[in-house]
Amino acid sequence: MLKDGEGADVTFSVHDQLFRAHRCVLAARSLVFKAELFGPMKESKTGHIKVDDMEPQVFEALLHFMYTDAMPDDDEDEGKIVRLQHLLVAADRYGVDRLKIMCEDKLHEGIDVDTVATTLLLAEQHHCEDLKEACIQFISSPRDKLSAVMATDGFKQLVVTCPLLMEDILKGVSCT
């Protein structure tokens, strides 16, 4: 249905890329889409919805999940973690809890020195407690990882954006 677009009754414009979809499918999978497409919001009155704050690849992956209940196949390239992070944000935004949990699991598997700070920040912002705990455990065990993590741009952003997380990190380090 998604690929051929037959019977599609809504079009999403994401950075000049158009995605045709079916209101009933999206509403069945997401209460946020249901409210947006069938509720009193202005989007329910139109067949065209503009999505400004998401990359087309992320929206396409979200739609793929909505129709197939599976994450899109993703190569093992270096951008995979960043795409998963963005997909987690999209899943949280649209209330697609199963996708959010799947993203959390994949991000947990991919934690490393370069990604842990950004993943921790996302986990905090999007209420992913298990992922947050996994990130803190990674940072605090063994101790030699902490200095490597602190040297990353993600950690510097974490300190500026969410300084209260430093307390959780320090607690994790002091318990090891």
N, C-alpha and C. Protein backbone atom coordinates (compact mmCIF):
# COMPACT_ATOMS: atom_id res chain seq x y z
N MET A 1 0.82 -1.20 0.00
CA MET A 1 0.00 0.00 0.00
C MET A 1 0.85 1.25 0.00
N LEU A 2 1.90 1.22 0.80
CA LEU A 2 2.76 2.40 0.90
C LEU A 2 3.50 2.65 -0.40
N LYS A 3 4.03 1.58 -1.00
CA LYS A 3 4.85 1.75 -2.20
C LYS A 3 4.04 2.21 -3.40
N ASP A 4 2.88 1.58 -3.63
CA ASP A 4 2.12 1.96 -4.83
C ASP A 4 1.21 3.16 -4.60
N GLY A 5 0.93 3.49 -3.34
CA GLY A 5 0.14 4.69 -3.03
C GLY A 5 -1.33 4.60 -3.39
N GLU A 6 -1.77 3.45 -3.83
CA GLU A 6 -3.18 3.31 -4.22
C GLU A 6 -4.09 3.55 -3.02
N GLY A 7 -5.03 4.43 -3.21
CA GLY A 7 -5.98 4.76 -2.14
C GLY A 7 -5.44 5.74 -1.10
N ALA A 8 -4.24 6.24 -1.30
CA ALA A 8 -3.66 7.19 -0.35
C ALA A 8 -4.53 8.44 -0.30
N ASP A 9 -4.75 8.95 0.92
CA ASP A 9 -5.62 10.11 1.08
C ASP A 9 -4.98 11.26 1.84
N VAL A 10 -3.68 11.17 2.05
CA VAL A 10 -2.95 12.26 2.69
C VAL A 10 -1.54 12.29 2.11
N THR A 11 -1.01 13.48 1.95
CA THR A 11 0.35 13.66 1.46
C THR A 11 1.13 14.47 2.48
N PHE A 12 2.32 13.98 2.80
CA PHE A 12 3.22 14.68 3.70
C PHE A 12 4.36 15.27 2.88
N SER A 13 4.66 16.52 3.14
CA SER A 13 5.77 17.20 2.49
C SER A 13 6.88 17.36 3.52
N VAL A 14 7.99 16.68 3.26
CA VAL A 14 9.12 16.71 4.19
C VAL A 14 10.33 17.21 3.41
N HIS A 15 10.69 18.46 3.65
CA HIS A 15 11.80 19.10 2.93
C HIS A 15 11.69 18.87 1.42
N ASP A 16 10.57 19.23 0.84
CA ASP A 16 10.31 19.15 -0.59
C ASP A 16 10.19 17.72 -1.14
N GLN A 17 10.20 16.73 -0.28
CA GLN A 17 9.95 15.36 -0.71
C GLN A 17 8.53 14.98 -0.27
N LEU A 18 7.77 14.38 -1.17
CA LEU A 18 6.38 14.05 -0.88
C LEU A 18 6.22 12.57 -0.55
N PHE A 19 5.40 12.30 0.46
CA PHE A 19 5.08 10.94 0.88
C PHE A 19 3.57 10.80 0.93
N ARG A 20 3.04 9.88 0.14
CA ARG A 20 1.61 9.62 0.14
C ARG A 20 1.33 8.48 1.11
N ALA A 21 0.25 8.62 1.88
CA ALA A 21 -0.07 7.62 2.89
C ALA A 21 -1.59 7.51 3.07
N HIS A 22 -1.96 6.63 3.94
CA HIS A 22 -3.38 6.35 4.21
C HIS A 22 -3.69 6.74 5.65
N ARG A 23 -4.60 7.66 5.82
CA ARG A 23 -4.97 8.15 7.15
C ARG A 23 -5.32 7.01 8.11
N CYS A 24 -6.10 6.06 7.63
CA CYS A 24 -6.57 5.00 8.53
C CYS A 24 -5.41 4.14 9.05
N VAL A 25 -4.40 3.89 8.23
CA VAL A 25 -3.24 3.11 8.68
C VAL A 25 -2.47 3.88 9.75
N LEU A 26 -2.21 5.14 9.47
CA LEU A 26 -1.44 5.95 10.43
C LEU A 26 -2.21 6.14 11.74
N ALA A 27 -3.51 6.38 11.63
CA ALA A 27 -4.33 6.58 12.83
C ALA A 27 -4.42 5.31 13.66
N ALA A 28 -4.43 4.15 13.00
CA ALA A 28 -4.49 2.88 13.73
C ALA A 28 -3.20 2.59 14.49
N ARG A 29 -2.09 3.13 14.04
CA ARG A 29 -0.80 2.84 14.65
C ARG A 29 -0.33 3.92 15.62
N SER A 30 -0.94 5.10 15.58
CA SER A 30 -0.45 6.21 16.38
C SER A 30 -1.59 7.12 16.81
N LEU A 31 -1.72 7.32 18.12
CA LEU A 31 -2.74 8.24 18.63
C LEU A 31 -2.44 9.68 18.21
N VAL A 32 -1.18 10.00 18.03
CA VAL A 32 -0.80 11.34 17.60
C VAL A 32 -1.27 11.57 16.16
N PHE A 33 -1.01 10.60 15.28
CA PHE A 33 -1.51 10.71 13.91
C PHE A 33 -3.04 10.73 13.90
N LYS A 34 -3.67 9.94 14.75
CA LYS A 34 -5.13 9.91 14.81
C LYS A 34 -5.67 11.30 15.14
N ALA A 35 -5.09 11.93 16.14
CA ALA A 35 -5.53 13.29 16.52
C ALA A 35 -5.24 14.28 15.40
N GLU A 36 -4.09 14.14 14.77
CA GLU A 36 -3.70 15.07 13.72
C GLU A 36 -4.57 14.90 12.47
N LEU A 37 -4.91 13.67 12.14
CA LEU A 37 -5.60 13.39 10.88
C LEU A 37 -7.12 13.35 10.99
N PHE A 38 -7.64 13.06 12.20
CA PHE A 38 -9.08 12.94 12.35
C PHE A 38 -9.66 13.87 13.42
N GLY A 39 -8.81 14.52 14.18
CA GLY A 39 -9.28 15.39 15.24
C GLY A 39 -9.57 16.79 14.76
N PRO A 40 -9.73 17.71 15.70
CA PRO A 40 -10.09 19.09 15.35
C PRO A 40 -8.93 19.92 14.80
N MET A 41 -7.73 19.34 14.72
CA MET A 41 -6.59 20.10 14.21
C MET A 41 -6.81 20.44 12.74
N LYS A 42 -6.21 21.51 12.29
CA LYS A 42 -6.40 21.95 10.90
C LYS A 42 -5.90 20.91 9.90
N GLU A 43 -4.93 20.07 10.33
CA GLU A 43 -4.39 19.06 9.43
C GLU A 43 -5.46 18.05 9.02
N SER A 44 -6.48 17.86 9.88
CA SER A 44 -7.51 16.89 9.55
C SER A 44 -8.41 17.37 8.41
N LYS A 45 -8.37 18.64 8.13
CA LYS A 45 -9.23 19.21 7.08
C LYS A 45 -8.56 19.24 5.71
N THR A 46 -7.27 19.00 5.69
CA THR A 46 -6.53 19.10 4.44
C THR A 46 -5.91 17.75 4.09
N GLY A 47 -5.59 17.57 2.85
CA GLY A 47 -4.94 16.35 2.41
C GLY A 47 -3.44 16.49 2.30
N HIS A 48 -2.93 17.64 2.75
CA HIS A 48 -1.49 17.91 2.63
C HIS A 48 -0.96 18.42 3.97
N ILE A 49 0.08 17.76 4.47
CA ILE A 49 0.66 18.14 5.76
C ILE A 49 2.15 18.36 5.58
N LYS A 50 2.62 19.50 6.07
CA LYS A 50 4.04 19.84 5.97
C LYS A 50 4.73 19.45 7.28
N VAL A 51 5.85 18.73 7.14
CA VAL A 51 6.66 18.33 8.29
C VAL A 51 8.02 19.01 8.12
N ASP A 52 8.28 20.01 8.96
CA ASP A 52 9.48 20.83 8.78
C ASP A 52 10.72 20.31 9.52
N ASP A 53 10.51 19.68 10.65
CA ASP A 53 11.62 19.41 11.55
C ASP A 53 12.07 17.95 11.56
N MET A 54 12.05 17.34 10.37
CA MET A 54 12.46 15.94 10.26
C MET A 54 13.06 15.72 8.87
N GLU A 55 14.07 14.88 8.80
CA GLU A 55 14.69 14.56 7.52
C GLU A 55 13.80 13.57 6.76
N PRO A 56 13.77 13.66 5.44
CA PRO A 56 12.94 12.75 4.65
C PRO A 56 13.23 11.27 4.90
N GLN A 57 14.52 10.91 5.08
CA GLN A 57 14.87 9.51 5.32
C GLN A 57 14.27 9.00 6.63
N VAL A 58 14.20 9.87 7.62
CA VAL A 58 13.64 9.49 8.91
C VAL A 58 12.13 9.32 8.79
N PHE A 59 11.46 10.24 8.11
CA PHE A 59 10.02 10.13 7.94
C PHE A 59 9.68 8.89 7.12
N GLU A 60 10.48 8.60 6.11
CA GLU A 60 10.27 7.41 5.30
C GLU A 60 10.41 6.14 6.15
N ALA A 61 11.41 6.12 7.02
CA ALA A 61 11.60 4.97 7.91
C ALA A 61 10.42 4.83 8.89
N LEU A 62 9.92 5.96 9.37
CA LEU A 62 8.75 5.95 10.26
C LEU A 62 7.54 5.36 9.52
N LEU A 63 7.29 5.83 8.31
CA LEU A 63 6.17 5.30 7.53
C LEU A 63 6.36 3.81 7.24
N HIS A 64 7.58 3.42 6.91
CA HIS A 64 7.86 2.01 6.65
C HIS A 64 7.46 1.17 7.86
N PHE A 65 7.82 1.61 9.04
CA PHE A 65 7.45 0.88 10.26
C PHE A 65 5.94 0.86 10.45
N MET A 66 5.30 1.99 10.22
CA MET A 66 3.86 2.08 10.42
C MET A 66 3.10 1.06 9.55
N TYR A 67 3.61 0.81 8.36
CA TYR A 67 2.95 -0.12 7.44
C TYR A 67 3.40 -1.56 7.61
N THR A 68 4.63 -1.80 8.05
CA THR A 68 5.17 -3.16 8.04
C THR A 68 5.44 -3.73 9.43
N ASP A 69 5.45 -2.88 10.45
CA ASP A 69 5.81 -3.28 11.81
C ASP A 69 7.25 -3.80 11.88
N ALA A 70 8.08 -3.32 10.98
CA ALA A 70 9.49 -3.71 10.96
C ALA A 70 10.33 -2.49 10.67
N MET A 71 11.51 -2.49 11.25
CA MET A 71 12.43 -1.40 10.97
C MET A 71 13.00 -1.62 9.57
N PRO A 72 13.29 -0.55 8.85
CA PRO A 72 13.88 -0.72 7.53
C PRO A 72 15.25 -1.36 7.64
N ASP A 73 15.62 -2.12 6.62
CA ASP A 73 16.96 -2.70 6.60
C ASP A 73 17.96 -1.56 6.57
N ASP A 74 18.96 -1.69 7.40
CA ASP A 74 19.95 -0.61 7.50
C ASP A 74 21.34 -1.21 7.43
N ASP A 75 22.14 -0.66 6.56
CA ASP A 75 23.51 -1.13 6.44
C ASP A 75 24.27 -0.83 7.72
N GLU A 76 25.42 -1.42 7.83
CA GLU A 76 26.27 -1.20 8.99
C GLU A 76 27.21 -0.02 8.77
N ASP A 77 26.73 1.02 8.11
CA ASP A 77 27.60 2.16 7.86
C ASP A 77 27.67 3.08 9.08
N GLU A 78 28.52 4.07 9.00
CA GLU A 78 28.76 4.94 10.14
C GLU A 78 27.58 5.84 10.49
N GLY A 79 26.67 6.06 9.57
CA GLY A 79 25.52 6.91 9.84
C GLY A 79 24.35 6.19 10.48
N LYS A 80 24.47 4.90 10.71
CA LYS A 80 23.36 4.11 11.23
C LYS A 80 22.90 4.60 12.60
N ILE A 81 23.83 4.86 13.49
CA ILE A 81 23.48 5.29 14.85
C ILE A 81 22.77 6.64 14.81
N VAL A 82 23.24 7.54 14.01
CA VAL A 82 22.61 8.86 13.90
C VAL A 82 21.18 8.70 13.37
N ARG A 83 20.98 7.85 12.36
CA ARG A 83 19.64 7.61 11.83
C ARG A 83 18.73 6.99 12.90
N LEU A 84 19.27 6.06 13.68
CA LEU A 84 18.49 5.46 14.77
C LEU A 84 18.12 6.51 15.82
N GLN A 85 19.04 7.40 16.12
CA GLN A 85 18.75 8.46 17.08
C GLN A 85 17.61 9.34 16.58
N HIS A 86 17.66 9.71 15.31
CA HIS A 86 16.60 10.54 14.73
C HIS A 86 15.27 9.78 14.67
N LEU A 87 15.34 8.48 14.38
CA LEU A 87 14.13 7.67 14.32
C LEU A 87 13.51 7.52 15.72
N LEU A 88 14.34 7.43 16.74
CA LEU A 88 13.83 7.39 18.12
C LEU A 88 13.06 8.67 18.43
N VAL A 89 13.61 9.80 18.03
CA VAL A 89 12.93 11.09 18.25
C VAL A 89 11.59 11.11 17.51
N ALA A 90 11.57 10.63 16.28
CA ALA A 90 10.33 10.60 15.50
C ALA A 90 9.31 9.66 16.14
N ALA A 91 9.76 8.51 16.59
CA ALA A 91 8.86 7.54 17.23
C ALA A 91 8.26 8.13 18.50
N ASP A 92 9.06 8.84 19.25
CA ASP A 92 8.57 9.47 20.48
C ASP A 92 7.58 10.59 20.14
N ARG A 93 7.90 11.37 19.14
CA ARG A 93 7.04 12.49 18.73
C ARG A 93 5.65 12.01 18.31
N TYR A 94 5.61 10.90 17.59
CA TYR A 94 4.33 10.40 17.08
C TYR A 94 3.73 9.29 17.95
N GLY A 95 4.34 9.01 19.09
CA GLY A 95 3.77 8.04 20.02
C GLY A 95 3.77 6.62 19.49
N VAL A 96 4.79 6.27 18.73
CA VAL A 96 4.92 4.91 18.21
C VAL A 96 5.85 4.15 19.15
N ASP A 97 5.27 3.68 20.24
CA ASP A 97 6.06 3.13 21.34
C ASP A 97 6.88 1.90 20.95
N ARG A 98 6.31 1.02 20.16
CA ARG A 98 7.06 -0.19 19.76
C ARG A 98 8.31 0.19 18.96
N LEU A 99 8.20 1.13 18.07
CA LEU A 99 9.36 1.59 17.29
C LEU A 99 10.37 2.26 18.21
N LYS A 100 9.89 3.02 19.15
CA LYS A 100 10.79 3.69 20.10
C LYS A 100 11.61 2.66 20.87
N ILE A 101 10.95 1.61 21.34
CA ILE A 101 11.65 0.55 22.09
C ILE A 101 12.66 -0.17 21.20
N MET A 102 12.29 -0.41 19.95
CA MET A 102 13.21 -1.07 19.02
C MET A 102 14.44 -0.19 18.76
N CYS A 103 14.22 1.11 18.63
CA CYS A 103 15.34 2.04 18.44
C CYS A 103 16.23 2.05 19.68
N GLU A 104 15.62 2.07 20.86
CA GLU A 104 16.39 2.03 22.10
C GLU A 104 17.28 0.79 22.14
N ASP A 105 16.71 -0.35 21.80
CA ASP A 105 17.49 -1.61 21.82
C ASP A 105 18.67 -1.55 20.87
N LYS A 106 18.43 -1.06 19.66
CA LYS A 106 19.52 -0.97 18.67
C LYS A 106 20.57 0.04 19.10
N LEU A 107 20.13 1.15 19.68
CA LEU A 107 21.09 2.15 20.16
C LEU A 107 21.90 1.58 21.32
N HIS A 108 21.26 0.81 22.17
CA HIS A 108 21.98 0.16 23.29
C HIS A 108 23.10 -0.74 22.76
N GLU A 109 22.79 -1.50 21.70
CA GLU A 109 23.79 -2.38 21.09
C GLU A 109 24.95 -1.59 20.48
N GLY A 110 24.68 -0.37 20.03
CA GLY A 110 25.68 0.42 19.32
C GLY A 110 26.42 1.43 20.17
N ILE A 111 26.24 1.37 21.48
CA ILE A 111 26.93 2.34 22.34
C ILE A 111 28.43 2.17 22.21
N ASP A 112 29.10 3.28 21.95
CA ASP A 112 30.56 3.30 21.96
C ASP A 112 31.02 4.68 22.43
N VAL A 113 32.30 4.88 22.50
CA VAL A 113 32.86 6.13 23.02
C VAL A 113 32.34 7.34 22.25
N ASP A 114 32.22 7.21 20.94
CA ASP A 114 31.83 8.35 20.11
C ASP A 114 30.34 8.68 20.17
N THR A 115 29.51 7.70 20.50
CA THR A 115 28.06 7.92 20.44
C THR A 115 27.39 8.00 21.81
N VAL A 116 28.06 7.60 22.86
CA VAL A 116 27.39 7.44 24.15
C VAL A 116 26.83 8.76 24.70
N ALA A 117 27.54 9.85 24.56
CA ALA A 117 27.07 11.12 25.13
C ALA A 117 25.81 11.61 24.41
N THR A 118 25.80 11.54 23.10
CA THR A 118 24.62 11.95 22.34
C THR A 118 23.44 11.04 22.63
N THR A 119 23.71 9.75 22.72
CA THR A 119 22.65 8.79 23.03
C THR A 119 22.11 9.02 24.43
N LEU A 120 22.99 9.34 25.37
CA LEU A 120 22.55 9.63 26.74
C LEU A 120 21.66 10.87 26.77
N LEU A 121 22.03 11.88 26.05
CA LEU A 121 21.22 13.10 25.99
C LEU A 121 19.83 12.80 25.40
N LEU A 122 19.79 12.03 24.33
CA LEU A 122 18.50 11.65 23.74
C LEU A 122 17.67 10.81 24.71
N ALA A 123 18.32 9.89 25.39
CA ALA A 123 17.62 9.04 26.36
C ALA A 123 16.99 9.89 27.45
N GLU A 124 17.70 10.90 27.90
CA GLU A 124 17.17 11.79 28.93
C GLU A 124 16.00 12.61 28.38
N GLN A 125 16.16 13.17 27.20
CA GLN A 125 15.13 14.03 26.63
C GLN A 125 13.85 13.28 26.27
N HIS A 126 13.99 12.00 25.94
CA HIS A 126 12.83 11.24 25.46
C HIS A 126 12.41 10.13 26.43
N HIS A 127 12.85 10.25 27.67
CA HIS A 127 12.40 9.38 28.77
C HIS A 127 12.65 7.90 28.49
N CYS A 128 13.87 7.58 28.07
CA CYS A 128 14.28 6.20 27.82
C CYS A 128 15.19 5.77 28.97
N GLU A 129 14.59 5.39 30.06
CA GLU A 129 15.34 5.12 31.30
C GLU A 129 16.35 3.98 31.15
N ASP A 130 15.96 2.88 30.48
CA ASP A 130 16.89 1.76 30.32
C ASP A 130 18.09 2.16 29.47
N LEU A 131 17.86 2.91 28.43
CA LEU A 131 18.95 3.36 27.57
C LEU A 131 19.84 4.34 28.32
N LYS A 132 19.24 5.21 29.11
CA LYS A 132 20.01 6.16 29.92
C LYS A 132 20.93 5.40 30.88
N GLU A 133 20.39 4.40 31.55
CA GLU A 133 21.17 3.60 32.50
C GLU A 133 22.30 2.87 31.79
N ALA A 134 22.03 2.33 30.60
CA ALA A 134 23.07 1.64 29.84
C ALA A 134 24.20 2.59 29.46
N CYS A 135 23.87 3.81 29.09
CA CYS A 135 24.88 4.80 28.73
C CYS A 135 25.74 5.16 29.95
N ILE A 136 25.10 5.38 31.07
CA ILE A 136 25.84 5.72 32.29
C ILE A 136 26.75 4.57 32.70
N GLN A 137 26.26 3.35 32.59
CA GLN A 137 27.10 2.18 32.91
C GLN A 137 28.30 2.11 31.97
N PHE A 138 28.07 2.38 30.69
CA PHE A 138 29.17 2.35 29.73
C PHE A 138 30.23 3.38 30.09
N ILE A 139 29.79 4.58 30.40
CA ILE A 139 30.73 5.66 30.72
C ILE A 139 31.52 5.33 31.98
N SER A 140 30.88 4.73 32.96
CA SER A 140 31.52 4.55 34.26
C SER A 140 32.26 3.24 34.42
N SER A 141 32.25 2.35 33.44
CA SER A 141 32.92 1.07 33.62
C SER A 141 33.55 0.60 32.32
N PRO A 142 34.82 0.37 32.26
CA PRO A 142 35.86 0.73 33.22
C PRO A 142 36.16 2.23 33.16
N ARG A 143 36.84 2.69 34.15
CA ARG A 143 37.05 4.14 34.31
C ARG A 143 37.83 4.79 33.18
N ASP A 144 38.64 4.05 32.49
CA ASP A 144 39.44 4.68 31.42
C ASP A 144 38.57 5.14 30.25
N LYS A 145 37.32 4.69 30.16
CA LYS A 145 36.43 5.16 29.10
C LYS A 145 35.99 6.59 29.34
N LEU A 146 35.89 6.99 30.59
CA LEU A 146 35.37 8.31 30.92
C LEU A 146 36.18 9.42 30.25
N SER A 147 37.50 9.34 30.31
CA SER A 147 38.31 10.40 29.72
C SER A 147 38.15 10.43 28.20
N ALA A 148 38.01 9.27 27.57
CA ALA A 148 37.80 9.23 26.12
C ALA A 148 36.45 9.82 25.76
N VAL A 149 35.43 9.50 26.54
CA VAL A 149 34.08 10.05 26.30
C VAL A 149 34.09 11.56 26.49
N MET A 150 34.78 12.03 27.52
CA MET A 150 34.82 13.47 27.81
C MET A 150 35.48 14.27 26.70
N ALA A 151 36.28 13.63 25.87
CA ALA A 151 36.98 14.32 24.79
C ALA A 151 36.09 14.49 23.54
N THR A 152 34.91 13.86 23.53
CA THR A 152 34.06 13.92 22.34
C THR A 152 33.23 15.21 22.31
N ASP A 153 32.84 15.60 21.10
CA ASP A 153 31.96 16.76 20.94
C ASP A 153 30.60 16.50 21.57
N GLY A 154 30.13 15.26 21.49
CA GLY A 154 28.85 14.90 22.09
C GLY A 154 28.82 15.14 23.58
N PHE A 155 29.93 14.85 24.26
CA PHE A 155 30.00 15.07 25.70
C PHE A 155 29.99 16.56 26.01
N LYS A 156 30.70 17.34 25.21
CA LYS A 156 30.71 18.79 25.42
C LYS A 156 29.30 19.36 25.26
N GLN A 157 28.58 18.85 24.27
CA GLN A 157 27.20 19.28 24.07
C GLN A 157 26.32 18.85 25.25
N LEU A 158 26.56 17.66 25.74
CA LEU A 158 25.81 17.13 26.89
C LEU A 158 25.98 18.03 28.11
N VAL A 159 27.20 18.44 28.38
CA VAL A 159 27.49 19.29 29.53
C VAL A 159 26.74 20.62 29.42
N VAL A 160 26.72 21.20 28.24
CA VAL A 160 26.05 22.48 28.03
C VAL A 160 24.53 22.33 28.04
N THR A 161 24.04 21.31 27.35
CA THR A 161 22.60 21.15 27.16
C THR A 161 21.88 20.60 28.39
N CYS A 162 22.52 19.67 29.08
CA CYS A 162 21.85 19.00 30.19
C CYS A 162 22.82 18.76 31.34
N PRO A 163 23.20 19.82 32.02
CA PRO A 163 24.22 19.67 33.08
C PRO A 163 23.76 18.77 34.24
N LEU A 164 22.46 18.62 34.43
CA LEU A 164 21.98 17.77 35.52
C LEU A 164 22.33 16.30 35.31
N LEU A 165 22.58 15.92 34.07
CA LEU A 165 23.01 14.54 33.81
C LEU A 165 24.39 14.26 34.39
N MET A 166 25.15 15.30 34.59
CA MET A 166 26.50 15.11 35.15
C MET A 166 26.41 14.45 36.53
N GLU A 167 25.40 14.79 37.29
CA GLU A 167 25.22 14.17 38.61
C GLU A 167 25.00 12.66 38.47
N ASP A 168 24.18 12.26 37.51
CA ASP A 168 23.95 10.83 37.29
C ASP A 168 25.24 10.12 36.85
N ILE A 169 26.01 10.77 36.00
CA ILE A 169 27.27 10.19 35.54
C ILE A 169 28.23 10.04 36.71
N LEU A 170 28.35 11.09 37.52
CA LEU A 170 29.24 11.04 38.67
C LEU A 170 28.83 9.96 39.66
N LYS A 171 27.53 9.79 39.87
CA LYS A 171 27.06 8.71 40.74
C LYS A 171 27.47 7.35 40.18
N GLY A 172 27.33 7.19 38.86
CA GLY A 172 27.71 5.94 38.23
C GLY A 172 29.20 5.66 38.35
N VAL A 173 30.01 6.69 38.16
CA VAL A 173 31.45 6.53 38.28
C VAL A 173 31.86 6.24 39.72
N SER A 174 31.23 6.88 40.67
CA SER A 174 31.62 6.68 42.07
C SER A 174 31.20 5.31 42.61
N CYS A 175 30.26 4.66 41.95
CA CYS A 175 29.80 3.32 42.40
C CYS A 175 30.68 2.21 41.87
N THR A 176 31.56 2.49 40.91
CA THR A 176 32.40 1.43 40.36
C THR A 176 33.69 1.28 41.09
